[in-house]
C-alpha atoms as a PDB file:
ATOM      1  CA  UNK A   1     104.476-106.149 -32.065  1.00  0.00           C
ATOM      2  CA  UNK A   2     103.217-105.782 -35.621  1.00  0.00           C
ATOM      3  CA  UNK A   3     102.330-108.869 -37.619  1.00  0.00           C
ATOM      4  CA  UNK A   4     104.925-108.129 -40.294  1.00  0.00           C
ATOM      5  CA  UNK A   5     107.779-108.464 -37.825  1.00  0.00           C
ATOM      6  CA  UNK A   6     106.833-112.012 -36.734  1.00  0.00           C
ATOM      7  CA  UNK A   7     107.496-115.125 -38.742  1.00  0.00           C
ATOM      8  CA  UNK A   8     104.140-116.212 -40.164  1.00  0.00           C
ATOM      9  CA  UNK A   9     103.951-119.488 -38.252  1.00  0.00           C
ATOM     10  CA  UNK A  10     104.669-117.814 -34.905  1.00  0.00           C
ATOM     11  CA  UNK A  11     102.055-115.147 -35.600  1.00  0.00           C
ATOM     12  CA  UNK A  12      99.491-117.819 -36.470  1.00  0.00           C
ATOM     13  CA  UNK A  13     100.201-119.758 -33.277  1.00  0.00           C
ATOM     14  CA  UNK A  14      99.749-116.621 -31.167  1.00  0.00           C
ATOM     15  CA  UNK A  15      96.563-115.693 -33.004  1.00  0.00           C
ATOM     16  CA  UNK A  16      95.056-119.141 -32.361  1.00  0.00           C
ATOM     17  CA  UNK A  17      96.095-119.381 -28.709  1.00  0.00           C
ATOM     18  CA  UNK A  18      92.983-119.340 -26.563  1.00  0.00           C
ATOM     19  CA  UNK A  19      92.887-119.192 -22.783  1.00  0.00           C
ATOM     20  CA  UNK A  20      92.709-122.546 -21.062  1.00  0.00           C
ATOM     21  CA  UNK A  21      89.947-122.709 -18.470  1.00  0.00           C
ATOM     22  CA  UNK A  22      89.399-125.561 -16.056  1.00  0.00           C
ATOM     23  CA  UNK A  23      86.182-125.234 -14.111  1.00  0.00           C
ATOM     24  CA  UNK A  24      85.927-126.165 -10.456  1.00  0.00           C
ATOM     25  CA  UNK A  25      83.359-128.810 -11.411  1.00  0.00           C
ATOM     26  CA  UNK A  26      85.775-130.388 -13.917  1.00  0.00           C
ATOM     27  CA  UNK A  27      88.579-130.318 -11.364  1.00  0.00           C
ATOM     28  CA  UNK A  28      86.386-132.132  -8.809  1.00  0.00           C
ATOM     29  CA  UNK A  29      85.245-134.661 -11.424  1.00  0.00           C
ATOM     30  CA  UNK A  30      88.856-135.367 -12.408  1.00  0.00           C
ATOM     31  CA  UNK A  31      89.916-135.849  -8.776  1.00  0.00           C
ATOM     32  CA  UNK A  32      87.040-138.308  -8.271  1.00  0.00           C
ATOM     33  CA  UNK A  33      88.058-140.234 -11.389  1.00  0.00           C
ATOM     34  CA  UNK A  34      91.693-140.377 -10.196  1.00  0.00           C
ATOM     35  CA  UNK A  35      90.517-141.805  -6.850  1.00  0.00           C
ATOM     36  CA  UNK A  36      88.232-144.328  -8.568  1.00  0.00           C
ATOM     37  CA  UNK A  37      90.992-145.607 -10.869  1.00  0.00           C
ATOM     38  CA  UNK A  38      93.483-145.715  -7.995  1.00  0.00           C
ATOM     39  CA  UNK A  39      91.073-147.774  -5.857  1.00  0.00           C
ATOM     40  CA  UNK A  40      90.763-150.336  -8.655  1.00  0.00           C
ATOM     41  CA  UNK A  41      94.454-150.652  -9.436  1.00  0.00           C
ATOM     42  CA  UNK A  42      97.373-149.025  -7.662  1.00  0.00           C
ATOM     43  CA  UNK A  43      99.035-146.539 -10.001  1.00  0.00           C
ATOM     44  CA  UNK A  44      96.127-146.383 -12.453  1.00  0.00           C
ATOM     45  CA  UNK A  45      94.943-143.054 -11.040  1.00  0.00           C
ATOM     46  CA  UNK A  46      98.336-141.521 -11.841  1.00  0.00           C
ATOM     47  CA  UNK A  47      98.185-142.963 -15.346  1.00  0.00           C
ATOM     48  CA  UNK A  48      94.733-141.439 -15.813  1.00  0.00           C
ATOM     49  CA  UNK A  49      95.994-138.057 -14.617  1.00  0.00           C
ATOM     50  CA  UNK A  50      98.962-138.290 -17.014  1.00  0.00           C
ATOM     51  CA  UNK A  51      96.546-139.054 -19.872  1.00  0.00           C
ATOM     52  CA  UNK A  52      94.421-136.008 -19.004  1.00  0.00           C
ATOM     53  CA  UNK A  53      97.565-133.853 -18.799  1.00  0.00           C
ATOM     54  CA  UNK A  54      98.632-135.116 -22.248  1.00  0.00           C
ATOM     55  CA  UNK A  55      95.203-134.280 -23.684  1.00  0.00           C
ATOM     56  CA  UNK A  56      95.348-130.787 -22.195  1.00  0.00           C
ATOM     57  CA  UNK A  57      98.837-130.305 -23.679  1.00  0.00           C
ATOM     58  CA  UNK A  58      97.485-131.354 -27.106  1.00  0.00           C
ATOM     59  CA  UNK A  59      94.680-128.816 -26.776  1.00  0.00           C
ATOM     60  CA  UNK A  60      97.102-126.068 -25.723  1.00  0.00           C
ATOM     61  CA  UNK A  61      99.373-126.852 -28.675  1.00  0.00           C
ATOM     62  CA  UNK A  62      96.489-126.821 -31.150  1.00  0.00           C
ATOM     63  CA  UNK A  63      93.272-125.242 -29.807  1.00  0.00           C
ATOM     64  CA  UNK A  64      91.312-126.061 -32.973  1.00  0.00           C
ATOM     65  CA  UNK A  65      91.647-129.850 -32.607  1.00  0.00           C
ATOM     66  CA  UNK A  66      88.715-131.926 -31.554  1.00  0.00           C
ATOM     67  CA  UNK A  67      85.043-131.691 -32.249  1.00  0.00           C
ATOM     68  CA  UNK A  68      82.425-129.216 -31.170  1.00  0.00           C
ATOM     69  CA  UNK A  69      80.716-130.011 -27.915  1.00  0.00           C
ATOM     70  CA  UNK A  70      77.014-130.919 -28.209  1.00  0.00           C
ATOM     71  CA  UNK A  71      74.762-128.485 -26.399  1.00  0.00           C
ATOM     72  CA  UNK A  72      77.435-125.766 -26.223  1.00  0.00           C
ATOM     73  CA  UNK A  73      76.963-122.737 -28.483  1.00  0.00           C
ATOM     74  CA  UNK A  74      80.547-121.440 -28.166  1.00  0.00           C
ATOM     75  CA  UNK A  75      82.472-122.846 -31.159  1.00  0.00           C
ATOM     76  CA  UNK A  76      85.784-122.214 -29.349  1.00  0.00           C
ATOM     77  CA  UNK A  77      84.899-124.950 -26.866  1.00  0.00           C
ATOM     78  CA  UNK A  78      86.008-128.290 -28.299  1.00  0.00           C
ATOM     79  CA  UNK A  79      86.390-131.794 -26.956  1.00  0.00           C
ATOM     80  CA  UNK A  80      88.884-134.545 -27.569  1.00  0.00           C
ATOM     81  CA  UNK A  81      88.517-138.135 -26.544  1.00  0.00           C
ATOM     82  CA  UNK A  82      90.989-139.912 -24.325  1.00  0.00           C
ATOM     83  CA  UNK A  83      93.034-142.586 -26.015  1.00  0.00           C
ATOM     84  CA  UNK A  84      93.251-145.106 -23.197  1.00  0.00           C
ATOM     85  CA  UNK A  85      90.543-144.105 -20.746  1.00  0.00           C
ATOM     86  CA  UNK A  86      86.897-143.688 -21.625  1.00  0.00           C
ATOM     87  CA  UNK A  87      86.610-139.965 -21.128  1.00  0.00           C
ATOM     88  CA  UNK A  88      86.872-136.759 -23.068  1.00  0.00           C
ATOM     89  CA  UNK A  89      88.483-133.422 -22.278  1.00  0.00           C
ATOM     90  CA  UNK A  90      86.428-130.347 -23.135  1.00  0.00           C
END
């Protein structure tokens, strides 16, 4: 579909949409963190997972949010910090 046929805001959103990748290492690290929080307080692991899901949704909605990741040359890879839990999502 040609750019001229899309409303400008929709075209911009599509142009900025980057693929979301979750590495196996990150998935394992998240599962370990969920277990750790759950062992310390019943239900806290689920709250942590919900916070990570919310951060991922924010990244999907606006891929340019966050700061560049130190030591990573790819400027498309950003990180945002969790609001409640001391972690960041890259």
